[in-house]
């Protein structure tokens, strides 16, 4: 849902005391976000998991390809901080690699899908007419395609795709289906922006179409794109976990959170740490993104009271000078 910006609230928030100083809009949004403790906590949790996925391998001397025959299916211990699998593989190494894969999929799918939806939706709204009708027909035809069937066929390893890693195939398939809903919303918002005077003036002045789209349409739907970026990361991670859980997503030897959860589902009573550790990491990852998304939504909405208001400076009293 998009936020309707109240210009009066923007001016009140931007004014600094009784001085003629106005804070930039990006700085206002940043301050609102940082006043939201829940959103800041989500940001720290996500950054911690991101750093863990990069540098977590230094926390253990084992890797995901090394077996420990003396510690097969063992619970957490000083040698293996998160325990081992039934094959003797260090679970910490698997969690690090799986978290890195899931975050990589989320960031790529979330970022690229937002870019595609912004360009596609703004192009439909700008040109209109037959171009809009044709592109909208293609969009609705793609929406009707069954995503699960396409994922199953693409990741099955048939044809010339068997040499590509399964995580790359999953990224391509998720990108194919993740931008369509946002593109329709961007189109409707951009069509309203096309009626603004500054867009009409740019067209009459002969400004190139590409520049109008990038300089006038896309920046004015920036709040929608930022929120959709965080939602896209969450959706991509959950889709990866769901597809890998049912066996049509990431395939071995590639590892992800969905693969680890799916492998340990039938052994929760025997090896509970193999199930609850990746599940906890997934909850922390998606939960932190949800908290960040709520904070960004409130930060972009100047009329929101959930994050409080900026403190007003006390008026300075003039000193009386006795002659």
Protein backbone atom coordinates (compact mmCIF):
# COMPACT_ATOMS: atom_id res chain seq x y z
CA UNK A 1 0.00 0.00 0.00
CA UNK A 2 1.38 3.41 -0.95
CA UNK A 3 1.53 6.32 1.44
CA UNK A 4 -0.13 9.65 0.67
CA UNK A 5 2.38 12.31 1.63
CA UNK A 6 0.99 15.21 3.63
CA UNK A 7 2.93 18.36 2.58
CA UNK A 8 2.03 20.17 5.82
CA UNK A 9 3.48 17.32 7.90
CA UNK A 10 6.59 17.34 5.71
CA UNK A 11 7.11 21.07 6.30
CA UNK A 12 6.55 20.79 10.06
CA UNK A 13 8.99 17.91 10.30
CA UNK A 14 11.63 19.64 8.19
CA UNK A 15 11.56 23.01 9.95
CA UNK A 16 14.30 23.39 12.55
CA UNK A 17 13.28 25.52 15.52
CA UNK A 18 12.75 29.14 14.46
CA UNK A 19 15.57 29.16 11.93
CA UNK A 20 15.12 29.18 8.18
CA UNK A 21 16.81 25.78 7.82
CA UNK A 22 15.09 22.88 6.07
CA UNK A 23 16.31 19.30 6.43
CA UNK A 24 16.53 17.19 3.28
CA UNK A 25 13.84 14.61 2.71
CA UNK A 26 16.25 11.68 2.79
CA UNK A 27 17.60 12.86 6.13
CA UNK A 28 14.07 13.17 7.50
CA UNK A 29 13.26 9.60 6.44
CA UNK A 30 16.50 8.37 8.02
CA UNK A 31 15.69 10.11 11.31
CA UNK A 32 12.19 8.66 11.38
CA UNK A 33 13.55 5.21 10.71
CA UNK A 34 16.18 5.49 13.45
CA UNK A 35 13.52 6.60 15.97
CA UNK A 36 11.72 3.30 15.40
CA UNK A 37 13.42 0.91 17.83
CA UNK A 38 11.80 -2.16 16.33
CA UNK A 39 13.05 -1.29 12.85
CA UNK A 40 16.56 -0.55 14.15
CA UNK A 41 16.59 -3.89 15.97
CA UNK A 42 15.57 -5.61 12.73
CA UNK A 43 18.35 -3.81 10.87
CA UNK A 44 20.97 -4.97 13.40
CA UNK A 45 19.69 -8.56 13.28
CA UNK A 46 19.82 -8.61 9.48
CA UNK A 47 23.31 -7.09 9.40
CA UNK A 48 24.48 -9.61 12.00
CA UNK A 49 23.16 -12.50 9.90
CA UNK A 50 24.68 -10.98 6.76
CA UNK A 51 28.10 -10.72 8.42
CA UNK A 52 27.67 -14.23 9.83
CA UNK A 53 27.05 -15.58 6.33
CA UNK A 54 30.32 -13.98 5.13
CA UNK A 55 32.67 -14.41 8.09
CA UNK A 56 30.96 -17.24 9.96
CA UNK A 57 33.38 -19.75 8.51
CA UNK A 58 36.08 -18.37 10.82
CA UNK A 59 34.03 -19.56 13.84
CA UNK A 60 34.73 -23.21 13.02
CA UNK A 61 37.69 -25.13 11.68
CA UNK A 62 35.42 -27.43 9.66
CA UNK A 63 33.82 -26.94 6.27
CA UNK A 64 30.74 -28.44 4.67
CA UNK A 65 32.75 -30.93 2.61
CA UNK A 66 34.76 -32.38 5.52
CA UNK A 67 33.46 -35.36 7.51
CA UNK A 68 34.20 -36.08 11.15
CA UNK A 69 33.83 -39.86 11.55
CA UNK A 70 34.36 -39.62 15.32
CA UNK A 71 31.39 -37.27 15.80
CA UNK A 72 28.45 -38.53 13.77
CA UNK A 73 25.07 -37.09 14.71
CA UNK A 74 26.47 -35.47 17.85
CA UNK A 75 24.77 -32.55 19.66
CA UNK A 76 26.51 -29.18 20.12
CA UNK A 77 29.95 -29.50 21.69
CA UNK A 78 33.18 -27.45 21.97
CA UNK A 79 34.49 -29.08 18.78
CA UNK A 80 31.21 -28.54 16.88
CA UNK A 81 29.38 -25.52 18.26
CA UNK A 82 26.07 -26.40 16.60
CA UNK A 83 26.57 -30.16 16.47
CA UNK A 84 26.98 -32.44 13.47
CA UNK A 85 24.68 -34.15 11.01
CA UNK A 86 24.08 -37.88 10.73
CA UNK A 87 26.88 -37.90 8.13
CA UNK A 88 29.38 -36.21 10.48
CA UNK A 89 29.32 -32.78 8.77
CA UNK A 90 29.69 -29.72 10.96
CA UNK A 91 26.30 -27.99 11.20
CA UNK A 92 27.88 -24.56 11.73
CA UNK A 93 29.57 -24.77 8.31
CA UNK A 94 26.29 -25.82 6.71
CA UNK A 95 24.36 -22.99 8.39
CA UNK A 96 26.91 -20.41 7.22
CA UNK A 97 26.76 -21.65 3.64
CA UNK A 98 22.98 -22.03 3.68
CA UNK A 99 22.42 -18.55 5.13
CA UNK A 100 24.72 -17.04 2.52
CA UNK A 101 22.83 -18.77 -0.30
CA UNK A 102 19.41 -17.70 1.00
CA UNK A 103 20.48 -14.08 1.50
CA UNK A 104 22.11 -14.01 -1.95
CA UNK A 105 18.91 -15.27 -3.56
CA UNK A 106 16.82 -12.74 -1.63
CA UNK A 107 19.00 -9.74 -2.47
CA UNK A 108 19.31 -10.54 -6.17
CA UNK A 109 15.63 -11.37 -6.67
CA UNK A 110 14.43 -8.45 -4.55
CA UNK A 111 16.67 -5.88 -6.25
CA UNK A 112 16.38 -6.97 -9.88
CA UNK A 113 12.61 -7.58 -9.69
CA UNK A 114 12.06 -4.02 -8.39
CA UNK A 115 14.15 -2.63 -11.24
CA UNK A 116 12.25 -4.65 -13.86
CA UNK A 117 8.84 -3.73 -12.44
CA UNK A 118 9.74 -0.01 -12.28
CA UNK A 119 10.94 0.13 -15.90
CA UNK A 120 8.11 -2.03 -17.26
CA UNK A 121 5.33 -0.24 -15.34
CA UNK A 122 6.60 3.27 -16.11
CA UNK A 123 7.03 2.40 -19.78
CA UNK A 124 3.43 1.19 -20.02
CA UNK A 125 2.13 4.36 -18.37
CA UNK A 126 4.31 6.72 -20.39
CA UNK A 127 3.57 5.47 -23.89
CA UNK A 128 -0.02 4.30 -23.32
CA UNK A 129 -2.25 3.34 -26.23
CA UNK A 130 -1.32 0.22 -28.15
CA UNK A 131 2.03 -0.09 -26.36
CA UNK A 132 0.29 -0.14 -23.00
CA UNK A 133 -2.35 -2.62 -24.18
CA UNK A 134 0.25 -4.98 -25.66
CA UNK A 135 2.55 -4.88 -22.64
CA UNK A 136 -0.42 -5.32 -20.27
CA UNK A 137 -1.58 -8.37 -22.26
CA UNK A 138 1.90 -9.91 -21.99
CA UNK A 139 1.98 -9.14 -18.27
CA UNK A 140 -1.38 -10.79 -17.60
CA UNK A 141 -0.41 -13.81 -19.70
CA UNK A 142 2.76 -14.28 -17.63
CA UNK A 143 0.80 -13.98 -14.39
CA UNK A 144 -1.34 -16.96 -15.45
CA UNK A 145 1.68 -19.26 -15.75
CA UNK A 146 2.04 -21.89 -12.96
CA UNK A 147 5.14 -20.98 -10.97
CA UNK A 148 5.56 -24.34 -9.22
CA UNK A 149 5.54 -26.25 -12.51
CA UNK A 150 8.14 -23.94 -14.06
CA UNK A 151 10.38 -24.21 -10.97
CA UNK A 152 10.13 -28.00 -11.00
CA UNK A 153 11.05 -28.23 -14.70
CA UNK A 154 13.87 -25.65 -14.50
CA UNK A 155 15.57 -27.19 -11.46
CA UNK A 156 15.16 -30.81 -12.58
CA UNK A 157 18.48 -30.69 -14.45
CA UNK A 158 17.01 -31.69 -17.79
CA UNK A 159 18.40 -30.47 -21.10
CA UNK A 160 21.30 -28.03 -21.13
CA UNK A 161 20.48 -26.69 -17.66
CA UNK A 162 22.03 -29.59 -15.78
CA UNK A 163 25.47 -27.96 -15.74
CA UNK A 164 24.21 -24.79 -14.02
CA UNK A 165 24.04 -24.59 -10.21
CA UNK A 166 20.54 -25.07 -8.80
CA UNK A 167 20.62 -21.77 -6.89
CA UNK A 168 21.24 -19.86 -10.13
CA UNK A 169 18.35 -21.61 -11.85
CA UNK A 170 16.09 -20.81 -8.91
CA UNK A 171 17.09 -17.13 -9.05
CA UNK A 172 16.20 -16.96 -12.75
CA UNK A 173 12.81 -18.60 -12.19
CA UNK A 174 11.96 -16.42 -9.17
CA UNK A 175 12.91 -13.31 -11.14
CA UNK A 176 10.59 -14.43 -13.90
CA UNK A 177 7.57 -14.45 -11.57
CA UNK A 178 8.36 -11.89 -8.84
CA UNK A 179 8.04 -8.54 -10.69
CA UNK A 180 4.59 -8.76 -12.27
CA UNK A 181 2.39 -7.66 -9.38
CA UNK A 182 4.53 -4.63 -8.62
CA UNK A 183 4.64 -3.69 -12.31
CA UNK A 184 0.85 -3.39 -12.41
CA UNK A 185 0.88 -1.18 -9.33
CA UNK A 186 3.69 0.97 -10.75
CA UNK A 187 1.69 1.37 -13.96
CA UNK A 188 -1.37 2.69 -12.12
CA UNK A 189 0.69 5.15 -10.06
CA UNK A 190 2.67 6.32 -13.07
CA UNK A 191 -0.51 6.95 -15.04
CA UNK A 192 -1.59 9.42 -12.36
CA UNK A 193 1.86 11.05 -12.45
CA UNK A 194 1.56 11.50 -16.22
CA UNK A 195 -1.18 14.06 -15.56
CA UNK A 196 1.15 16.27 -13.50
CA UNK A 197 2.21 19.59 -14.99
CA UNK A 198 5.95 18.98 -14.75
CA UNK A 199 5.66 15.75 -16.77
CA UNK A 200 3.53 17.44 -19.43
CA UNK A 201 6.00 20.33 -19.58
CA UNK A 202 8.92 17.95 -20.05
CA UNK A 203 7.11 16.25 -22.94
CA UNK A 204 6.29 19.57 -24.60
CA UNK A 205 9.91 20.69 -24.24
CA UNK A 206 11.09 17.63 -26.14
CA UNK A 207 12.82 15.88 -23.24
CA UNK A 208 13.69 12.29 -24.29
CA UNK A 209 11.25 9.64 -23.12
CA UNK A 210 13.93 7.66 -21.32
CA UNK A 211 14.93 10.72 -19.29
CA UNK A 212 11.34 11.52 -18.35
CA UNK A 213 10.85 7.98 -17.05
CA UNK A 214 14.06 7.98 -15.02
CA UNK A 215 14.00 11.60 -13.78
CA UNK A 216 10.29 12.22 -13.19
CA UNK A 217 8.36 8.96 -12.89
CA UNK A 218 10.68 6.52 -11.08
CA UNK A 219 11.83 8.96 -8.31
CA UNK A 220 8.21 9.80 -7.45
CA UNK A 221 7.42 6.16 -6.74
CA UNK A 222 10.67 5.62 -4.84
CA UNK A 223 8.94 4.87 -1.53
CA UNK A 224 6.93 2.08 -3.16
CA UNK A 225 10.07 0.61 -4.74
CA UNK A 226 12.04 0.67 -1.46
CA UNK A 227 9.24 -1.07 0.41
CA UNK A 228 8.82 -3.59 -2.38
CA UNK A 229 12.56 -4.28 -2.29
CA UNK A 230 12.42 -5.40 1.35
CA UNK A 231 9.23 -7.36 0.72
CA UNK A 232 10.85 -8.92 -2.32
CA UNK A 233 13.82 -10.15 -0.28
CA UNK A 234 11.48 -11.73 2.27
CA UNK A 235 9.32 -13.30 -0.42
CA UNK A 236 12.32 -14.72 -2.28
CA UNK A 237 13.78 -16.27 0.88
CA UNK A 238 10.43 -17.82 1.83
CA UNK A 239 9.96 -19.09 -1.74
CA UNK A 240 13.43 -20.65 -1.70
CA UNK A 241 12.72 -22.37 1.62
CA UNK A 242 9.32 -23.61 0.42
CA UNK A 243 10.56 -24.93 -2.93
CA UNK A 244 13.66 -26.53 -1.40
CA UNK A 245 11.55 -28.05 1.37
CA UNK A 246 9.40 -29.95 -1.14
CA UNK A 247 12.45 -30.92 -3.20
CA UNK A 248 12.14 -28.71 -6.31
CA UNK A 249 14.37 -25.81 -5.24
CA UNK A 250 18.03 -25.95 -4.27
CA UNK A 251 19.59 -29.34 -4.95
CA UNK A 252 22.64 -30.95 -3.38
CA UNK A 253 25.59 -30.30 -3.32
CA UNK A 254 24.30 -26.73 -3.00
CA UNK A 255 23.06 -25.90 0.50
CA UNK A 256 20.40 -23.46 1.68
CA UNK A 257 18.19 -22.99 4.72
CA UNK A 258 15.34 -24.72 2.93
CA UNK A 259 17.50 -27.76 2.14
CA UNK A 260 18.65 -28.06 5.76
CA UNK A 261 15.11 -27.75 7.12
CA UNK A 262 13.78 -30.28 4.61
CA UNK A 263 16.49 -32.83 5.39
CA UNK A 264 15.91 -32.62 9.15
CA UNK A 265 12.10 -32.68 9.11
CA UNK A 266 11.83 -36.44 9.53
CA UNK A 267 14.47 -36.53 12.27
CA UNK A 268 13.27 -33.85 14.67
CA UNK A 269 13.05 -36.26 17.60
CA UNK A 270 16.45 -37.88 16.93
CA UNK A 271 18.47 -34.84 15.86
CA UNK A 272 16.49 -31.78 17.03
CA UNK A 273 19.42 -29.34 16.60
CA UNK A 274 19.53 -30.12 12.87
CA UNK A 275 15.94 -28.86 12.52
CA UNK A 276 15.64 -26.01 15.02
CA UNK A 277 18.91 -24.23 14.23
CA UNK A 278 18.20 -23.54 10.51
CA UNK A 279 14.54 -22.86 11.32
CA UNK A 280 15.57 -20.27 13.92
CA UNK A 281 17.94 -18.62 11.46
CA UNK A 282 15.14 -18.44 8.88
CA UNK A 283 12.76 -16.85 11.41
CA UNK A 284 15.40 -14.30 12.43
CA UNK A 285 16.12 -13.48 8.80
CA UNK A 286 12.53 -13.02 7.65
CA UNK A 287 11.44 -11.45 10.95
CA UNK A 288 14.18 -8.82 10.82
CA UNK A 289 13.20 -7.93 7.25
CA UNK A 290 9.56 -7.60 8.30
CA UNK A 291 10.53 -5.24 11.14
CA UNK A 292 12.63 -3.17 8.74
CA UNK A 293 9.77 -3.02 6.26
CA UNK A 294 7.35 -1.74 8.90
CA UNK A 295 9.87 0.89 9.96
CA UNK A 296 10.44 2.05 6.39
CA UNK A 297 6.70 2.26 5.78
CA UNK A 298 6.27 4.51 8.81
CA UNK A 299 9.36 6.53 7.88
CA UNK A 300 7.96 7.30 4.42
CA UNK A 301 4.61 8.31 5.91
CA UNK A 302 4.95 11.76 7.59
CA UNK A 303 1.47 11.48 9.11
CA UNK A 304 2.36 8.30 11.00
CA UNK A 305 2.49 8.71 14.80
CA UNK A 306 3.92 5.27 15.58
CA UNK A 307 7.51 6.60 15.65
CA UNK A 308 6.81 9.82 17.47
CA UNK A 309 7.61 13.33 16.40
CA UNK A 310 10.81 15.29 16.26
CA UNK A 311 11.54 17.22 19.42
CA UNK A 312 10.81 20.89 19.14
CA UNK A 313 13.48 23.26 20.32
CA UNK A 314 12.50 25.60 23.13
CA UNK A 315 12.03 29.17 21.94
CA UNK A 316 14.77 31.48 23.02
CA UNK A 317 13.66 34.44 25.11
CA UNK A 318 15.15 37.77 24.26
CA UNK A 319 17.21 39.36 26.95
CA UNK A 320 16.03 42.71 28.17
CA UNK A 321 18.68 45.35 28.16
CA UNK A 322 18.25 48.04 30.74
CA UNK A 323 19.48 51.33 29.64
